[in-house]
Amino acid sequence: MKTKQKTSKILIHPASIDMLVEDTWNFACNILWQNKSLCREEITLSKSYIKQYYEGIPAKKFRKKARKHHQRICEYVLAAKKDAEKDIPHPCIWFNALYSDGLAGMWYGGKCKPDKISNS
């Protein structure tokens, strides 16, 4: 007799995503824009881009992918330091998934995921 196996859907708690967003923002801001004054709207928009990335990660891969965010920021900083003419763009640009030279480009392997992006 065959029985159907129930598969439960894994969900990431929104508070976990919010914590990662804050952590990613603070880490990136302290490394990349420590001397830059940003208004509340710019910070909110940048965080919304970070949140879109985390919300787009499938739950099964979340733990592995979410761990790499600081590593990728450091890789970008090292690459920017090697290229003296390379300026690090404003956070609202750098975190935007449509900007393939920023962090989102690194997250998505240089390819944006338009189905995961909203411009709200």
N, C-alpha and C. Protein backbone atom coordinates (compact mmCIF):
# COMPACT_ATOMS: atom_id res chain seq x y z
N MET A 1 0.83 -1.17 0.00
CA MET A 1 0.00 0.00 0.00
C MET A 1 0.89 1.25 0.00
N LYS A 2 0.63 2.11 -0.94
CA LYS A 2 1.41 3.34 -1.04
C LYS A 2 0.73 4.44 -0.24
N THR A 3 1.56 5.20 0.44
CA THR A 3 1.03 6.35 1.16
C THR A 3 1.66 7.62 0.59
N LYS A 4 0.87 8.63 0.55
CA LYS A 4 1.39 9.90 0.07
C LYS A 4 2.17 10.58 1.19
N GLN A 5 3.34 11.05 0.81
CA GLN A 5 4.13 11.79 1.77
C GLN A 5 3.77 13.25 1.69
N LYS A 6 3.52 13.82 2.82
CA LYS A 6 3.25 15.25 2.85
C LYS A 6 4.57 15.99 2.91
N THR A 7 4.68 16.99 2.09
CA THR A 7 5.87 17.83 2.16
C THR A 7 5.44 19.18 2.70
N SER A 8 6.11 19.57 3.74
CA SER A 8 5.76 20.86 4.32
C SER A 8 6.57 21.95 3.64
N LYS A 9 5.96 23.08 3.50
CA LYS A 9 6.61 24.21 2.88
C LYS A 9 7.43 24.94 3.93
N ILE A 10 8.69 25.16 3.60
CA ILE A 10 9.57 25.86 4.53
C ILE A 10 9.39 27.36 4.31
N LEU A 11 9.17 28.07 5.38
CA LEU A 11 9.02 29.52 5.30
C LEU A 11 10.09 30.20 6.15
N ILE A 12 10.54 31.32 5.69
CA ILE A 12 11.49 32.12 6.44
C ILE A 12 10.69 33.18 7.19
N HIS A 13 10.90 33.25 8.47
CA HIS A 13 10.17 34.21 9.29
C HIS A 13 10.54 35.63 8.86
N PRO A 14 9.54 36.50 8.70
CA PRO A 14 9.82 37.89 8.29
C PRO A 14 10.80 38.61 9.22
N ALA A 15 10.77 38.29 10.50
CA ALA A 15 11.70 38.93 11.44
C ALA A 15 13.14 38.54 11.12
N SER A 16 13.35 37.32 10.64
CA SER A 16 14.70 36.90 10.25
C SER A 16 15.18 37.69 9.05
N ILE A 17 14.30 37.90 8.10
CA ILE A 17 14.66 38.69 6.93
C ILE A 17 14.94 40.13 7.34
N ASP A 18 14.11 40.69 8.19
CA ASP A 18 14.33 42.06 8.65
C ASP A 18 15.67 42.21 9.35
N MET A 19 16.04 41.22 10.16
CA MET A 19 17.34 41.26 10.84
C MET A 19 18.48 41.21 9.83
N LEU A 20 18.37 40.37 8.82
CA LEU A 20 19.39 40.29 7.80
C LEU A 20 19.49 41.58 6.99
N VAL A 21 18.36 42.19 6.71
CA VAL A 21 18.36 43.46 5.99
C VAL A 21 19.12 44.51 6.79
N GLU A 22 18.81 44.62 8.07
CA GLU A 22 19.49 45.60 8.93
C GLU A 22 20.99 45.30 9.02
N ASP A 23 21.32 44.03 9.17
CA ASP A 23 22.71 43.61 9.27
C ASP A 23 23.47 43.93 7.98
N THR A 24 22.88 43.60 6.85
CA THR A 24 23.51 43.87 5.56
C THR A 24 23.68 45.37 5.35
N TRP A 25 22.63 46.12 5.66
CA TRP A 25 22.69 47.57 5.48
C TRP A 25 23.79 48.17 6.36
N ASN A 26 23.81 47.82 7.63
CA ASN A 26 24.80 48.39 8.54
C ASN A 26 26.23 48.04 8.12
N PHE A 27 26.44 46.79 7.74
CA PHE A 27 27.76 46.35 7.33
C PHE A 27 28.20 47.11 6.07
N ALA A 28 27.34 47.14 5.06
CA ALA A 28 27.70 47.81 3.80
C ALA A 28 27.89 49.31 4.00
N CYS A 29 27.01 49.91 4.77
CA CYS A 29 27.08 51.35 4.98
C CYS A 29 28.37 51.73 5.72
N ASN A 30 28.75 50.94 6.71
CA ASN A 30 29.97 51.23 7.46
C ASN A 30 31.23 51.04 6.63
N ILE A 31 31.19 50.15 5.66
CA ILE A 31 32.37 49.92 4.83
C ILE A 31 32.40 50.84 3.61
N LEU A 32 31.26 51.01 2.96
CA LEU A 32 31.23 51.71 1.68
C LEU A 32 30.86 53.19 1.76
N TRP A 33 30.00 53.54 2.67
CA TRP A 33 29.50 54.92 2.72
C TRP A 33 29.61 55.54 4.10
N GLN A 34 30.69 55.24 4.82
CA GLN A 34 30.82 55.70 6.20
C GLN A 34 30.86 57.22 6.32
N ASN A 35 31.31 57.93 5.31
CA ASN A 35 31.40 59.39 5.37
C ASN A 35 30.31 60.08 4.56
N LYS A 36 29.32 59.33 4.14
CA LYS A 36 28.26 59.89 3.30
C LYS A 36 26.99 60.10 4.14
N SER A 37 26.41 61.25 3.98
CA SER A 37 25.16 61.56 4.66
C SER A 37 23.99 61.12 3.77
N LEU A 38 23.13 60.28 4.32
CA LEU A 38 21.99 59.76 3.56
C LEU A 38 20.70 60.15 4.26
N CYS A 39 19.70 60.50 3.47
CA CYS A 39 18.41 60.85 4.06
C CYS A 39 17.61 59.56 4.34
N ARG A 40 16.56 59.70 5.09
CA ARG A 40 15.72 58.56 5.48
C ARG A 40 15.15 57.83 4.27
N GLU A 41 14.73 58.58 3.25
CA GLU A 41 14.14 57.98 2.06
C GLU A 41 15.16 57.13 1.30
N GLU A 42 16.41 57.61 1.23
CA GLU A 42 17.46 56.86 0.55
C GLU A 42 17.77 55.56 1.28
N ILE A 43 17.81 55.64 2.58
CA ILE A 43 18.07 54.46 3.41
C ILE A 43 16.92 53.45 3.25
N THR A 44 15.70 53.94 3.30
CA THR A 44 14.52 53.07 3.16
C THR A 44 14.52 52.38 1.80
N LEU A 45 14.80 53.12 0.74
CA LEU A 45 14.84 52.54 -0.60
C LEU A 45 15.94 51.48 -0.71
N SER A 46 17.11 51.79 -0.19
CA SER A 46 18.22 50.83 -0.24
C SER A 46 17.87 49.56 0.52
N LYS A 47 17.28 49.70 1.68
CA LYS A 47 16.88 48.53 2.47
C LYS A 47 15.80 47.72 1.76
N SER A 48 14.92 48.41 1.03
CA SER A 48 13.87 47.67 0.32
C SER A 48 14.48 46.80 -0.78
N TYR A 49 15.54 47.28 -1.42
CA TYR A 49 16.23 46.47 -2.44
C TYR A 49 16.90 45.25 -1.80
N ILE A 50 17.49 45.46 -0.64
CA ILE A 50 18.13 44.33 0.07
C ILE A 50 17.05 43.31 0.45
N LYS A 51 15.93 43.80 0.95
CA LYS A 51 14.84 42.91 1.36
C LYS A 51 14.29 42.11 0.17
N GLN A 52 14.17 42.75 -0.99
CA GLN A 52 13.70 42.05 -2.18
C GLN A 52 14.62 40.88 -2.51
N TYR A 53 15.92 41.10 -2.35
CA TYR A 53 16.86 40.00 -2.61
C TYR A 53 16.61 38.84 -1.66
N TYR A 54 16.55 39.13 -0.37
CA TYR A 54 16.37 38.06 0.61
C TYR A 54 15.02 37.36 0.45
N GLU A 55 13.99 38.10 0.15
CA GLU A 55 12.67 37.49 -0.04
C GLU A 55 12.61 36.62 -1.29
N GLY A 56 13.51 36.87 -2.23
CA GLY A 56 13.53 36.09 -3.46
C GLY A 56 14.32 34.79 -3.37
N ILE A 57 14.99 34.57 -2.25
CA ILE A 57 15.76 33.33 -2.09
C ILE A 57 14.81 32.20 -1.70
N PRO A 58 14.85 31.09 -2.44
CA PRO A 58 14.02 29.94 -2.04
C PRO A 58 14.42 29.46 -0.64
N ALA A 59 13.44 29.08 0.14
CA ALA A 59 13.69 28.70 1.53
C ALA A 59 14.75 27.61 1.68
N LYS A 60 14.76 26.66 0.76
CA LYS A 60 15.72 25.56 0.84
C LYS A 60 17.16 26.05 0.69
N LYS A 61 17.35 27.15 -0.02
CA LYS A 61 18.69 27.66 -0.26
C LYS A 61 19.02 28.88 0.62
N PHE A 62 18.08 29.28 1.44
CA PHE A 62 18.21 30.54 2.17
C PHE A 62 19.43 30.57 3.08
N ARG A 63 19.60 29.54 3.85
CA ARG A 63 20.70 29.52 4.83
C ARG A 63 22.06 29.68 4.14
N LYS A 64 22.26 28.94 3.06
CA LYS A 64 23.52 28.98 2.35
C LYS A 64 23.76 30.33 1.68
N LYS A 65 22.75 30.85 0.99
CA LYS A 65 22.91 32.10 0.26
C LYS A 65 22.99 33.31 1.18
N ALA A 66 22.22 33.31 2.25
CA ALA A 66 22.19 34.47 3.13
C ALA A 66 23.51 34.66 3.87
N ARG A 67 24.26 33.58 4.06
CA ARG A 67 25.54 33.67 4.76
C ARG A 67 26.59 34.42 3.97
N LYS A 68 26.41 34.52 2.68
CA LYS A 68 27.46 35.07 1.83
C LYS A 68 27.39 36.59 1.64
N HIS A 69 26.41 37.25 2.22
CA HIS A 69 26.24 38.68 1.93
C HIS A 69 27.43 39.53 2.34
N HIS A 70 28.00 39.31 3.50
CA HIS A 70 29.15 40.12 3.92
C HIS A 70 30.37 39.81 3.06
N GLN A 71 30.54 38.56 2.73
CA GLN A 71 31.67 38.16 1.88
C GLN A 71 31.61 38.90 0.54
N ARG A 72 30.44 38.99 -0.04
CA ARG A 72 30.30 39.65 -1.34
C ARG A 72 30.54 41.15 -1.24
N ILE A 73 30.14 41.75 -0.15
CA ILE A 73 30.42 43.18 0.04
C ILE A 73 31.93 43.40 0.13
N CYS A 74 32.61 42.55 0.88
CA CYS A 74 34.06 42.66 1.00
C CYS A 74 34.75 42.44 -0.35
N GLU A 75 34.26 41.48 -1.13
CA GLU A 75 34.83 41.23 -2.46
C GLU A 75 34.69 42.47 -3.34
N TYR A 76 33.56 43.12 -3.24
CA TYR A 76 33.33 44.33 -4.05
C TYR A 76 34.29 45.43 -3.63
N VAL A 77 34.46 45.61 -2.32
CA VAL A 77 35.37 46.65 -1.81
C VAL A 77 36.79 46.39 -2.28
N LEU A 78 37.23 45.14 -2.21
CA LEU A 78 38.58 44.80 -2.67
C LEU A 78 38.74 45.06 -4.16
N ALA A 79 37.74 44.72 -4.95
CA ALA A 79 37.79 44.97 -6.38
C ALA A 79 37.82 46.47 -6.67
N ALA A 80 37.05 47.24 -5.91
CA ALA A 80 37.01 48.69 -6.11
C ALA A 80 38.35 49.33 -5.75
N LYS A 81 39.02 48.79 -4.73
CA LYS A 81 40.32 49.33 -4.33
C LYS A 81 41.39 49.03 -5.37
N LYS A 82 41.27 47.91 -6.06
CA LYS A 82 42.23 47.57 -7.12
C LYS A 82 42.09 48.52 -8.30
N ASP A 83 40.87 48.92 -8.59
CA ASP A 83 40.60 49.83 -9.69
C ASP A 83 40.39 51.23 -9.11
N ALA A 84 41.47 52.00 -9.10
CA ALA A 84 41.45 53.32 -8.44
C ALA A 84 40.42 54.27 -9.04
N GLU A 85 40.06 54.09 -10.30
CA GLU A 85 39.10 54.98 -10.94
C GLU A 85 37.66 54.57 -10.69
N LYS A 86 37.46 53.43 -10.08
CA LYS A 86 36.10 52.93 -9.86
C LYS A 86 35.49 53.58 -8.62
N ASP A 87 34.42 54.30 -8.83
CA ASP A 87 33.69 54.90 -7.71
C ASP A 87 32.57 53.96 -7.30
N ILE A 88 32.33 53.91 -6.01
CA ILE A 88 31.21 53.11 -5.51
C ILE A 88 29.98 54.00 -5.59
N PRO A 89 28.97 53.57 -6.34
CA PRO A 89 27.79 54.42 -6.52
C PRO A 89 26.95 54.55 -5.25
N HIS A 90 26.02 55.44 -5.32
CA HIS A 90 25.08 55.68 -4.23
C HIS A 90 24.38 54.37 -3.85
N PRO A 91 24.07 54.17 -2.56
CA PRO A 91 23.42 52.92 -2.14
C PRO A 91 22.12 52.60 -2.87
N CYS A 92 21.33 53.63 -3.22
CA CYS A 92 20.08 53.38 -3.93
C CYS A 92 20.32 52.78 -5.32
N ILE A 93 21.48 53.04 -5.86
CA ILE A 93 21.86 52.46 -7.15
C ILE A 93 22.53 51.11 -6.93
N TRP A 94 23.46 51.07 -5.99
CA TRP A 94 24.29 49.88 -5.79
C TRP A 94 23.48 48.66 -5.37
N PHE A 95 22.44 48.85 -4.57
CA PHE A 95 21.61 47.72 -4.12
C PHE A 95 20.49 47.38 -5.10
N ASN A 96 20.23 48.23 -6.07
CA ASN A 96 19.16 47.98 -7.04
C ASN A 96 19.52 46.77 -7.90
N ALA A 97 18.63 45.82 -7.99
CA ALA A 97 18.88 44.58 -8.75
C ALA A 97 19.06 44.84 -10.24
N LEU A 98 18.61 45.98 -10.74
CA LEU A 98 18.80 46.30 -12.15
C LEU A 98 20.20 46.83 -12.45
N TYR A 99 20.96 47.17 -11.42
CA TYR A 99 22.32 47.67 -11.59
C TYR A 99 23.28 46.48 -11.48
N SER A 100 23.69 45.97 -12.63
CA SER A 100 24.46 44.72 -12.65
C SER A 100 25.89 44.87 -12.14
N ASP A 101 26.39 46.10 -11.98
CA ASP A 101 27.74 46.27 -11.45
C ASP A 101 27.77 46.42 -9.94
N GLY A 102 26.62 46.40 -9.31
CA GLY A 102 26.55 46.56 -7.87
C GLY A 102 26.44 45.22 -7.15
N LEU A 103 26.02 45.29 -5.92
CA LEU A 103 25.90 44.08 -5.11
C LEU A 103 24.86 43.12 -5.67
N ALA A 104 23.77 43.66 -6.17
CA ALA A 104 22.74 42.78 -6.73
C ALA A 104 23.28 42.00 -7.92
N GLY A 105 24.14 42.63 -8.71
CA GLY A 105 24.77 41.93 -9.81
C GLY A 105 25.62 40.77 -9.33
N MET A 106 26.27 40.96 -8.19
CA MET A 106 27.05 39.87 -7.60
C MET A 106 26.12 38.80 -7.05
N TRP A 107 25.03 39.23 -6.41
CA TRP A 107 24.07 38.28 -5.84
C TRP A 107 23.46 37.40 -6.92
N TYR A 108 23.09 38.02 -8.04
CA TYR A 108 22.41 37.29 -9.10
C TYR A 108 23.37 36.78 -10.16
N GLY A 109 24.66 36.78 -9.88
CA GLY A 109 25.64 36.29 -10.84
C GLY A 109 25.75 37.17 -12.07
N GLY A 110 25.57 38.48 -11.88
CA GLY A 110 25.68 39.41 -12.99
C GLY A 110 24.42 39.50 -13.83
N LYS A 111 23.41 38.75 -13.47
CA LYS A 111 22.15 38.78 -14.22
C LYS A 111 21.04 39.19 -13.27
N CYS A 112 20.28 40.19 -13.63
CA CYS A 112 19.18 40.59 -12.76
C CYS A 112 18.03 39.60 -12.92
N LYS A 113 17.22 39.54 -11.92
CA LYS A 113 16.05 38.67 -11.91
C LYS A 113 14.81 39.54 -11.95
N PRO A 114 14.39 39.98 -13.12
CA PRO A 114 13.27 40.91 -13.20
C PRO A 114 11.98 40.39 -12.59
N ASP A 115 11.78 39.09 -12.54
CA ASP A 115 10.55 38.56 -11.94
C ASP A 115 10.55 38.74 -10.43
N LYS A 116 11.70 39.02 -9.83
CA LYS A 116 11.80 39.21 -8.38
C LYS A 116 11.87 40.68 -8.00
N ILE A 117 11.83 41.56 -8.98
CA ILE A 117 12.09 42.98 -8.73
C ILE A 117 10.79 43.77 -8.83
N SER A 118 10.63 44.65 -7.88
CA SER A 118 9.55 45.64 -7.99
C SER A 118 10.17 46.99 -7.70
N ASN A 119 9.71 47.99 -8.35
CA ASN A 119 10.28 49.32 -8.16
C ASN A 119 9.47 50.14 -7.17
N SER A 120 8.85 49.49 -6.22
CA SER A 120 8.07 50.24 -5.22
C SER A 120 8.94 50.68 -4.08
